[in-house]
Amino acid sequence: MSSSSFERAIQRLGEIVESLEDGEQPLEESIALFEEGMALARSSQEILDRAERRIEELLAVDSQGKPIVREIDPD
């Protein structure tokens, strides 16, 4: 998921939350929206977790305070 896909996923997740809070759709539609929202939340969290690991790698230092340099997987 690219950053623009991530942004779209977060936007869609917000729309789903608003729709579920309205409570005006039938139960089956609410369940489908909930399932979609959970899938979006999981995939978005995975992206955030990868970004966090990359940042931790970039900020890593050795016992002498020198940056630890290693290749980072770009996915």
PDB file of N, CA and C in Angstrom:
ATOM      1  N   MET A   1       0.865  -1.173   0.000  1.00  0.00           N
ATOM      2  CA  MET A   1       0.000   0.000   0.000  1.00  0.00           C
ATOM      3  C   MET A   1       0.907   1.230   0.000  1.00  0.00           C
ATOM      4  N   SER A   2       0.768   2.079  -0.986  1.00  0.00           N
ATOM      5  CA  SER A   2       1.558   3.300  -1.054  1.00  0.00           C
ATOM      6  C   SER A   2       1.006   4.326  -0.070  1.00  0.00           C
ATOM      7  N   SER A   3       1.743   5.442   0.100  1.00  0.00           N
ATOM      8  CA  SER A   3       1.274   6.450   1.049  1.00  0.00           C
ATOM      9  C   SER A   3      -0.062   7.039   0.610  1.00  0.00           C
ATOM     10  N   SER A   4      -0.292   7.175  -0.711  1.00  0.00           N
ATOM     11  CA  SER A   4      -1.592   7.685  -1.157  1.00  0.00           C
ATOM     12  C   SER A   4      -2.686   6.654  -0.893  1.00  0.00           C
ATOM     13  N   SER A   5      -2.353   5.373  -1.038  1.00  0.00           N
ATOM     14  CA  SER A   5      -3.315   4.317  -0.697  1.00  0.00           C
ATOM     15  C   SER A   5      -3.592   4.323   0.794  1.00  0.00           C
ATOM     16  N   PHE A   6      -2.540   4.558   1.581  1.00  0.00           N
ATOM     17  CA  PHE A   6      -2.702   4.632   3.036  1.00  0.00           C
ATOM     18  C   PHE A   6      -3.644   5.773   3.384  1.00  0.00           C
ATOM     19  N   GLU A   7      -3.433   6.929   2.766  1.00  0.00           N
ATOM     20  CA  GLU A   7      -4.294   8.080   3.030  1.00  0.00           C
ATOM     21  C   GLU A   7      -5.750   7.789   2.640  1.00  0.00           C
ATOM     22  N   ARG A   8      -5.929   7.139   1.487  1.00  0.00           N
ATOM     23  CA  ARG A   8      -7.291   6.778   1.061  1.00  0.00           C
ATOM     24  C   ARG A   8      -7.918   5.785   2.033  1.00  0.00           C
ATOM     25  N   ALA A   9      -7.121   4.838   2.521  1.00  0.00           N
ATOM     26  CA  ALA A   9      -7.635   3.846   3.469  1.00  0.00           C
ATOM     27  C   ALA A   9      -8.093   4.525   4.757  1.00  0.00           C
ATOM     28  N   ILE A  10      -7.303   5.465   5.242  1.00  0.00           N
ATOM     29  CA  ILE A  10      -7.667   6.183   6.470  1.00  0.00           C
ATOM     30  C   ILE A  10      -8.927   7.015   6.241  1.00  0.00           C
ATOM     31  N   GLN A  11      -9.022   7.647   5.073  1.00  0.00           N
ATOM     32  CA  GLN A  11     -10.215   8.431   4.757  1.00  0.00           C
ATOM     33  C   GLN A  11     -11.442   7.522   4.700  1.00  0.00           C
ATOM     34  N   ARG A  12     -11.308   6.392   4.020  1.00  0.00           N
ATOM     35  CA  ARG A  12     -12.432   5.455   3.912  1.00  0.00           C
ATOM     36  C   ARG A  12     -12.809   4.920   5.289  1.00  0.00           C
ATOM     37  N   LEU A  13     -11.827   4.656   6.118  1.00  0.00           N
ATOM     38  CA  LEU A  13     -12.099   4.173   7.465  1.00  0.00           C
ATOM     39  C   LEU A  13     -12.924   5.198   8.240  1.00  0.00           C
ATOM     40  N   GLY A  14     -12.595   6.473   8.081  1.00  0.00           N
ATOM     41  CA  GLY A  14     -13.381   7.530   8.715  1.00  0.00           C
ATOM     42  C   GLY A  14     -14.817   7.554   8.219  1.00  0.00           C
ATOM     43  N   GLU A  15     -14.993   7.349   6.908  1.00  0.00           N
ATOM     44  CA  GLU A  15     -16.346   7.312   6.337  1.00  0.00           C
ATOM     45  C   GLU A  15     -17.135   6.138   6.911  1.00  0.00           C
ATOM     46  N   ILE A  16     -16.468   5.006   7.050  1.00  0.00           N
ATOM     47  CA  ILE A  16     -17.134   3.814   7.595  1.00  0.00           C
ATOM     48  C   ILE A  16     -17.568   4.057   9.036  1.00  0.00           C
ATOM     49  N   VAL A  17     -16.686   4.648   9.830  1.00  0.00           N
ATOM     50  CA  VAL A  17     -17.020   4.933  11.228  1.00  0.00           C
ATOM     51  C   VAL A  17     -18.231   5.853  11.301  1.00  0.00           C
ATOM     52  N   GLU A  18     -18.228   6.905  10.495  1.00  0.00           N
ATOM     53  CA  GLU A  18     -19.366   7.827  10.487  1.00  0.00           C
ATOM     54  C   GLU A  18     -20.650   7.104  10.105  1.00  0.00           C
ATOM     55  N   SER A  19     -20.578   6.269   9.090  1.00  0.00           N
ATOM     56  CA  SER A  19     -21.752   5.537   8.639  1.00  0.00           C
ATOM     57  C   SER A  19     -22.269   4.596   9.723  1.00  0.00           C
ATOM     58  N   LEU A  20     -21.354   3.905  10.391  1.00  0.00           N
ATOM     59  CA  LEU A  20     -21.767   2.989  11.457  1.00  0.00           C
ATOM     60  C   LEU A  20     -22.344   3.753  12.646  1.00  0.00           C
ATOM     61  N   GLU A  21     -21.799   4.922  12.926  1.00  0.00           N
ATOM     62  CA  GLU A  21     -22.326   5.728  14.025  1.00  0.00           C
ATOM     63  C   GLU A  21     -23.730   6.235  13.726  1.00  0.00           C
ATOM     64  N   ASP A  22     -24.009   6.506  12.436  1.00  0.00           N
ATOM     65  CA  ASP A  22     -25.349   6.930  12.054  1.00  0.00           C
ATOM     66  C   ASP A  22     -26.369   5.844  12.349  1.00  0.00           C
ATOM     67  N   GLY A  23     -25.971   4.600  12.117  1.00  0.00           N
ATOM     68  CA  GLY A  23     -26.845   3.469  12.415  1.00  0.00           C
ATOM     69  C   GLY A  23     -28.080   3.387  11.550  1.00  0.00           C
ATOM     70  N   GLU A  24     -28.057   3.971  10.361  1.00  0.00           N
ATOM     71  CA  GLU A  24     -29.250   3.999   9.517  1.00  0.00           C
ATOM     72  C   GLU A  24     -29.292   2.884   8.483  1.00  0.00           C
ATOM     73  N   GLN A  25     -28.245   2.074   8.382  1.00  0.00           N
ATOM     74  CA  GLN A  25     -28.238   1.004   7.395  1.00  0.00           C
ATOM     75  C   GLN A  25     -28.682  -0.307   8.046  1.00  0.00           C
ATOM     76  N   PRO A  26     -29.133  -1.243   7.224  1.00  0.00           N
ATOM     77  CA  PRO A  26     -29.553  -2.554   7.737  1.00  0.00           C
ATOM     78  C   PRO A  26     -28.364  -3.294   8.372  1.00  0.00           C
ATOM     79  N   LEU A  27     -28.674  -4.265   9.187  1.00  0.00           N
ATOM     80  CA  LEU A  27     -27.660  -5.023   9.911  1.00  0.00           C
ATOM     81  C   LEU A  27     -26.619  -5.634   8.991  1.00  0.00           C
ATOM     82  N   GLU A  28     -27.050  -6.255   7.901  1.00  0.00           N
ATOM     83  CA  GLU A  28     -26.094  -6.891   6.981  1.00  0.00           C
ATOM     84  C   GLU A  28     -25.122  -5.874   6.395  1.00  0.00           C
ATOM     85  N   GLU A  29     -25.614  -4.704   6.069  1.00  0.00           N
ATOM     86  CA  GLU A  29     -24.737  -3.655   5.531  1.00  0.00           C
ATOM     87  C   GLU A  29     -23.779  -3.165   6.617  1.00  0.00           C
ATOM     88  N   SER A  30     -24.270  -3.051   7.841  1.00  0.00           N
ATOM     89  CA  SER A  30     -23.404  -2.653   8.953  1.00  0.00           C
ATOM     90  C   SER A  30     -22.284  -3.667   9.162  1.00  0.00           C
ATOM     91  N   ILE A  31     -22.613  -4.932   9.065  1.00  0.00           N
ATOM     92  CA  ILE A  31     -21.606  -5.986   9.232  1.00  0.00           C
ATOM     93  C   ILE A  31     -20.575  -5.905   8.111  1.00  0.00           C
ATOM     94  N   ALA A  32     -21.033  -5.695   6.881  1.00  0.00           N
ATOM     95  CA  ALA A  32     -20.113  -5.590   5.749  1.00  0.00           C
ATOM     96  C   ALA A  32     -19.199  -4.373   5.918  1.00  0.00           C
ATOM     97  N   LEU A  33     -19.751  -3.257   6.373  1.00  0.00           N
ATOM     98  CA  LEU A  33     -18.943  -2.060   6.605  1.00  0.00           C
ATOM     99  C   LEU A  33     -17.919  -2.311   7.713  1.00  0.00           C
ATOM    100  N   PHE A  34     -18.348  -2.996   8.768  1.00  0.00           N
ATOM    101  CA  PHE A  34     -17.444  -3.314   9.867  1.00  0.00           C
ATOM    102  C   PHE A  34     -16.292  -4.187   9.381  1.00  0.00           C
ATOM    103  N   GLU A  35     -16.615  -5.198   8.580  1.00  0.00           N
ATOM    104  CA  GLU A  35     -15.570  -6.078   8.034  1.00  0.00           C
ATOM    105  C   GLU A  35     -14.594  -5.296   7.160  1.00  0.00           C
ATOM    106  N   GLU A  36     -15.132  -4.423   6.309  1.00  0.00           N
ATOM    107  CA  GLU A  36     -14.263  -3.590   5.468  1.00  0.00           C
ATOM    108  C   GLU A  36     -13.374  -2.708   6.336  1.00  0.00           C
ATOM    109  N   GLY A  37     -13.956  -2.111   7.353  1.00  0.00           N
ATOM    110  CA  GLY A  37     -13.202  -1.252   8.253  1.00  0.00           C
ATOM    111  C   GLY A  37     -12.095  -2.001   8.977  1.00  0.00           C
ATOM    112  N   MET A  38     -12.380  -3.208   9.422  1.00  0.00           N
ATOM    113  CA  MET A  38     -11.362  -4.002  10.114  1.00  0.00           C
ATOM    114  C   MET A  38     -10.218  -4.346   9.169  1.00  0.00           C
ATOM    115  N   ALA A  39     -10.528  -4.683   7.929  1.00  0.00           N
ATOM    116  CA  ALA A  39      -9.477  -4.995   6.949  1.00  0.00           C
ATOM    117  C   ALA A  39      -8.621  -3.762   6.681  1.00  0.00           C
ATOM    118  N   LEU A  40      -9.253  -2.606   6.537  1.00  0.00           N
ATOM    119  CA  LEU A  40      -8.513  -1.360   6.320  1.00  0.00           C
ATOM    120  C   LEU A  40      -7.645  -1.022   7.535  1.00  0.00           C
ATOM    121  N   ALA A  41      -8.190  -1.221   8.724  1.00  0.00           N
ATOM    122  CA  ALA A  41      -7.435  -0.926   9.944  1.00  0.00           C
ATOM    123  C   ALA A  41      -6.217  -1.841  10.058  1.00  0.00           C
ATOM    124  N   ARG A  42      -6.392  -3.124   9.750  1.00  0.00           N
ATOM    125  CA  ARG A  42      -5.263  -4.065   9.822  1.00  0.00           C
ATOM    126  C   ARG A  42      -4.174  -3.710   8.821  1.00  0.00           C
ATOM    127  N   SER A  43      -4.557  -3.453   7.584  1.00  0.00           N
ATOM    128  CA  SER A  43      -3.542  -3.139   6.566  1.00  0.00           C
ATOM    129  C   SER A  43      -2.860  -1.810   6.871  1.00  0.00           C
ATOM    130  N   SER A  44      -3.601  -0.841   7.373  1.00  0.00           N
ATOM    131  CA  SER A  44      -3.004   0.442   7.739  1.00  0.00           C
ATOM    132  C   SER A  44      -2.044   0.280   8.913  1.00  0.00           C
ATOM    133  N   GLN A  45      -2.412  -0.544   9.887  1.00  0.00           N
ATOM    134  CA  GLN A  45      -1.539  -0.785  11.028  1.00  0.00           C
ATOM    135  C   GLN A  45      -0.247  -1.467  10.601  1.00  0.00           C
ATOM    136  N   GLU A  46      -0.340  -2.377   9.645  1.00  0.00           N
ATOM    137  CA  GLU A  46       0.867  -3.033   9.130  1.00  0.00           C
ATOM    138  C   GLU A  46       1.814  -2.012   8.503  1.00  0.00           C
ATOM    139  N   ILE A  47       1.267  -1.057   7.765  1.00  0.00           N
ATOM    140  CA  ILE A  47       2.085  -0.010   7.153  1.00  0.00           C
ATOM    141  C   ILE A  47       2.744   0.835   8.243  1.00  0.00           C
ATOM    142  N   LEU A  48       1.979   1.188   9.261  1.00  0.00           N
ATOM    143  CA  LEU A  48       2.537   1.979  10.353  1.00  0.00           C
ATOM    144  C   LEU A  48       3.626   1.202  11.096  1.00  0.00           C
ATOM    145  N   ASP A  49       3.415  -0.091  11.298  1.00  0.00           N
ATOM    146  CA  ASP A  49       4.419  -0.927  11.969  1.00  0.00           C
ATOM    147  C   ASP A  49       5.711  -0.981  11.160  1.00  0.00           C
ATOM    148  N   ARG A  50       5.595  -1.138   9.830  1.00  0.00           N
ATOM    149  CA  ARG A  50       6.788  -1.156   8.974  1.00  0.00           C
ATOM    150  C   ARG A  50       7.520   0.180   9.030  1.00  0.00           C
ATOM    151  N   ALA A  51       6.764   1.263   9.002  1.00  0.00           N
ATOM    152  CA  ALA A  51       7.371   2.595   9.071  1.00  0.00           C
ATOM    153  C   ALA A  51       8.096   2.780  10.402  1.00  0.00           C
ATOM    154  N   GLU A  52       7.491   2.315  11.470  1.00  0.00           N
ATOM    155  CA  GLU A  52       8.122   2.428  12.785  1.00  0.00           C
ATOM    156  C   GLU A  52       9.432   1.640  12.832  1.00  0.00           C
ATOM    157  N   ARG A  53       9.427   0.428  12.272  1.00  0.00           N
ATOM    158  CA  ARG A  53      10.660  -0.379  12.237  1.00  0.00           C
ATOM    159  C   ARG A  53      11.737   0.329  11.414  1.00  0.00           C
ATOM    160  N   ARG A  54      11.354   0.930  10.303  1.00  0.00           N
ATOM    161  CA  ARG A  54      12.324   1.652   9.470  1.00  0.00           C
ATOM    162  C   ARG A  54      12.908   2.837  10.233  1.00  0.00           C
ATOM    163  N   ILE A  55      12.081   3.566  10.951  1.00  0.00           N
ATOM    164  CA  ILE A  55      12.562   4.708  11.731  1.00  0.00           C
ATOM    165  C   ILE A  55      13.504   4.239  12.834  1.00  0.00           C
ATOM    166  N   GLU A  56      13.145   3.141  13.509  1.00  0.00           N
ATOM    167  CA  GLU A  56      14.023   2.598  14.549  1.00  0.00           C
ATOM    168  C   GLU A  56      15.374   2.207  13.963  1.00  0.00           C
ATOM    169  N   GLU A  57      15.354   1.634  12.765  1.00  0.00           N
ATOM    170  CA  GLU A  57      16.609   1.276  12.093  1.00  0.00           C
ATOM    171  C   GLU A  57      17.429   2.528  11.796  1.00  0.00           C
ATOM    172  N   LEU A  58      16.768   3.572  11.323  1.00  0.00           N
ATOM    173  CA  LEU A  58      17.471   4.804  10.960  1.00  0.00           C
ATOM    174  C   LEU A  58      18.060   5.516  12.181  1.00  0.00           C
ATOM    175  N   LEU A  59      17.426   5.363  13.319  1.00  0.00           N
ATOM    176  CA  LEU A  59      17.872   6.047  14.527  1.00  0.00           C
ATOM    177  C   LEU A  59      18.784   5.187  15.401  1.00  0.00           C
ATOM    178  N   ALA A  60      19.036   3.955  15.001  1.00  0.00           N
ATOM    179  CA  ALA A  60      19.830   3.040  15.821  1.00  0.00           C
ATOM    180  C   ALA A  60      21.268   3.520  15.961  1.00  0.00           C
ATOM    181  N   VAL A  61      21.802   3.362  17.164  1.00  0.00           N
ATOM    182  CA  VAL A  61      23.202   3.684  17.438  1.00  0.00           C
ATOM    183  C   VAL A  61      23.839   2.520  18.183  1.00  0.00           C
ATOM    184  N   ASP A  62      25.157   2.398  18.040  1.00  0.00           N
ATOM    185  CA  ASP A  62      25.863   1.331  18.748  1.00  0.00           C
ATOM    186  C   ASP A  62      26.200   1.784  20.173  1.00  0.00           C
ATOM    187  N   SER A  63      26.919   0.959  20.904  1.00  0.00           N
ATOM    188  CA  SER A  63      27.230   1.259  22.303  1.00  0.00           C
ATOM    189  C   SER A  63      28.098   2.501  22.464  1.00  0.00           C
ATOM    190  N   GLN A  64      28.735   2.934  21.388  1.00  0.00           N
ATOM    191  CA  GLN A  64      29.567   4.138  21.435  1.00  0.00           C
ATOM    192  C   GLN A  64      28.834   5.369  20.899  1.00  0.00           C
ATOM    193  N   GLY A  65      27.558   5.202  20.611  1.00  0.00           N
ATOM    194  CA  GLY A  65      26.752   6.325  20.138  1.00  0.00           C
ATOM    195  C   GLY A  65      26.881   6.622  18.660  1.00  0.00           C
ATOM    196  N   LYS A  66      27.529   5.720  17.928  1.00  0.00           N
ATOM    197  CA  LYS A  66      27.683   5.922  16.483  1.00  0.00           C
ATOM    198  C   LYS A  66      26.507   5.276  15.760  1.00  0.00           C
ATOM    199  N   PRO A  67      26.058   5.919  14.692  1.00  0.00           N
ATOM    200  CA  PRO A  67      24.938   5.347  13.931  1.00  0.00           C
ATOM    201  C   PRO A  67      25.263   3.956  13.404  1.00  0.00           C
ATOM    202  N   ILE A  68      24.291   3.083  13.488  1.00  0.00           N
ATOM    203  CA  ILE A  68      24.412   1.750  12.911  1.00  0.00           C
ATOM    204  C   ILE A  68      23.895   1.830  11.492  1.00  0.00           C
ATOM    205  N   VAL A  69      24.732   1.502  10.538  1.00  0.00           N
ATOM    206  CA  VAL A  69      24.361   1.618   9.132  1.00  0.00           C
ATOM    207  C   VAL A  69      24.156   0.223   8.574  1.00  0.00           C
ATOM    208  N   ARG A  70      22.988   0.003   7.985  1.00  0.00           N
ATOM    209  CA  ARG A  70      22.696  -1.263   7.304  1.00  0.00           C
ATOM    210  C   ARG A  70      21.608  -1.005   6.269  1.00  0.00           C
ATOM    211  N   GLU A  71      21.523  -1.888   5.319  1.00  0.00           N
ATOM    212  CA  GLU A  71      20.502  -1.724   4.282  1.00  0.00           C
ATOM    213  C   GLU A  71      19.133  -1.977   4.879  1.00  0.00           C
ATOM    214  N   ILE A  72      18.179  -1.202   4.387  1.00  0.00           N
ATOM    215  CA  ILE A  72      16.789  -1.333   4.842  1.00  0.00           C
ATOM    216  C   ILE A  72      15.953  -1.832   3.682  1.00  0.00           C
ATOM    217  N   ASP A  73      15.133  -2.834   3.947  1.00  0.00           N
ATOM    218  CA  ASP A  73      14.233  -3.385   2.931  1.00  0.00           C
ATOM    219  C   ASP A  73      13.194  -2.324   2.595  1.00  0.00           C
ATOM    220  N   PRO A  74      13.081  -1.880   1.337  1.00  0.00           N
ATOM    221  CA  PRO A  74      12.206  -0.757   0.978  1.00  0.00           C
ATOM    222  C   PRO A  74      10.717  -1.056   0.959  1.00  0.00           C
ATOM    223  N   ASP A  75      10.261  -2.268   1.189  1.00  0.00           N
ATOM    224  CA  ASP A  75       8.817  -2.525   1.137  1.00  0.00           C
ATOM    225  C   ASP A  75       8.166  -1.938   2.318  1.00  0.00           C
TER     226      ASP A  75
END
